[in-house]
């Protein structure tokens, strides 16, 4: 197995009001990680936290690279400009229901 350097991934996070549950739902369709909130911002905050927790757990388990590969998510080696902590990232929300969020990915350890 070849080791891979640390980097960043950029995800399109979807946020919309779900009439069925009566709450805003937000998350990553690529990773199938979701959360909800009474307000759109709350749902986005929670989705960002859920995605970070998911990626951290997958990294600890050694499966993050397989998950990213299966989802077709490309690693970027440097942090995209203007993408800071979660709250700052949300101000870059642009088109429709999609919000660009960036998450750090640890280096893949080299096999012994």
Protein backbone atom coordinates (compact mmCIF):
# COMPACT_ATOMS: atom_id res chain seq x y z
CA UNK A 1 0.00 0.00 0.00
CA UNK A 2 1.33 3.46 -0.89
CA UNK A 3 1.02 6.15 1.78
CA UNK A 4 -0.88 9.31 0.90
CA UNK A 5 -0.17 12.81 2.25
CA UNK A 6 -2.53 14.78 4.46
CA UNK A 7 -4.84 17.16 2.64
CA UNK A 8 -8.32 18.60 2.42
CA UNK A 9 -11.59 17.62 0.82
CA UNK A 10 -14.28 20.01 -0.34
CA UNK A 11 -17.86 18.82 0.01
CA UNK A 12 -21.13 20.25 -1.24
CA UNK A 13 -23.44 20.21 1.77
CA UNK A 14 -27.17 20.31 1.06
CA UNK A 15 -29.60 22.20 3.32
CA UNK A 16 -33.36 22.38 2.92
CA UNK A 17 -36.57 22.38 4.92
CA UNK A 18 -38.12 18.92 5.17
CA UNK A 19 -41.91 19.21 5.39
CA UNK A 20 -42.20 15.60 6.56
CA UNK A 21 -40.14 16.10 9.72
CA UNK A 22 -40.86 19.83 10.10
CA UNK A 23 -37.17 20.73 10.42
CA UNK A 24 -34.23 21.83 8.31
CA UNK A 25 -32.09 18.91 7.17
CA UNK A 26 -28.47 19.34 6.08
CA UNK A 27 -25.68 17.00 5.14
CA UNK A 28 -23.41 15.47 2.56
CA UNK A 29 -25.03 13.29 -0.10
CA UNK A 30 -21.53 12.06 -1.09
CA UNK A 31 -20.81 10.69 2.40
CA UNK A 32 -24.45 10.07 3.40
CA UNK A 33 -23.97 11.97 6.67
CA UNK A 34 -26.94 14.09 7.80
CA UNK A 35 -28.25 16.18 10.66
CA UNK A 36 -31.16 18.53 11.33
CA UNK A 37 -32.10 21.66 13.21
CA UNK A 38 -34.95 24.06 13.81
CA UNK A 39 -33.17 26.69 11.68
CA UNK A 40 -31.07 26.30 8.54
CA UNK A 41 -27.92 27.59 10.25
CA UNK A 42 -28.39 25.13 13.13
CA UNK A 43 -28.81 22.23 10.67
CA UNK A 44 -25.66 23.31 8.78
CA UNK A 45 -23.65 23.65 12.01
CA UNK A 46 -24.74 20.20 13.13
CA UNK A 47 -24.08 18.67 9.70
CA UNK A 48 -20.56 20.13 9.65
CA UNK A 49 -19.89 18.69 13.10
CA UNK A 50 -21.34 15.30 12.11
CA UNK A 51 -19.18 15.19 8.97
CA UNK A 52 -16.05 16.10 10.97
CA UNK A 53 -16.82 13.40 13.55
CA UNK A 54 -17.48 10.85 10.79
CA UNK A 55 -14.20 11.65 9.01
CA UNK A 56 -12.20 11.63 12.27
CA UNK A 57 -13.63 8.24 13.25
CA UNK A 58 -12.99 6.83 9.76
CA UNK A 59 -9.39 8.12 9.96
CA UNK A 60 -8.89 6.43 13.34
CA UNK A 61 -10.28 3.18 11.93
CA UNK A 62 -8.08 3.48 8.84
CA UNK A 63 -11.03 3.53 6.43
CA UNK A 64 -11.18 7.20 5.48
CA UNK A 65 -9.23 6.72 2.23
CA UNK A 66 -11.52 3.89 1.06
CA UNK A 67 -14.61 5.95 1.90
CA UNK A 68 -13.29 8.94 -0.07
CA UNK A 69 -12.30 6.75 -3.00
CA UNK A 70 -15.71 5.02 -3.10
CA UNK A 71 -17.47 8.42 -2.97
CA UNK A 72 -15.26 9.81 -5.76
CA UNK A 73 -14.02 12.64 -3.53
CA UNK A 74 -10.69 14.12 -4.59
CA UNK A 75 -8.04 15.14 -2.05
CA UNK A 76 -6.58 18.64 -2.31
CA UNK A 77 -3.09 19.09 -0.87
CA UNK A 78 -3.61 22.68 0.30
CA UNK A 79 -6.52 24.36 2.07
CA UNK A 80 -8.68 26.19 -0.49
CA UNK A 81 -8.53 29.96 -0.08
CA UNK A 82 -11.13 31.49 2.20
CA UNK A 83 -11.98 28.25 3.99
CA UNK A 84 -11.40 28.64 7.71
CA UNK A 85 -13.26 27.24 10.70
CA UNK A 86 -16.84 26.03 10.21
CA UNK A 87 -18.54 29.30 11.15
CA UNK A 88 -16.35 31.27 8.73
CA UNK A 89 -16.94 28.70 5.99
CA UNK A 90 -20.69 29.18 6.20
CA UNK A 91 -20.40 32.79 5.03
CA UNK A 92 -19.20 31.42 1.69
CA UNK A 93 -22.55 29.68 1.15
CA UNK A 94 -23.52 30.55 -2.38
CA UNK A 95 -25.81 28.80 -4.84
CA UNK A 96 -29.23 27.50 -3.92
CA UNK A 97 -29.20 24.69 -1.37
CA UNK A 98 -25.48 23.86 -1.71
CA UNK A 99 -22.82 25.11 0.67
CA UNK A 100 -19.11 24.41 0.08
CA UNK A 101 -17.38 23.10 3.21
CA UNK A 102 -13.76 21.96 3.50
CA UNK A 103 -12.50 19.28 5.89
CA UNK A 104 -8.93 18.21 6.77
CA UNK A 105 -7.88 14.62 6.02
CA UNK A 106 -4.89 13.07 7.82
CA UNK A 107 -2.06 11.40 5.97
CA UNK A 108 -2.48 7.72 5.23
CA UNK A 109 0.09 5.75 7.23
CA UNK A 110 2.55 3.70 5.25
CA UNK A 111 2.11 -0.08 5.56
CA UNK A 112 4.91 -1.95 7.29
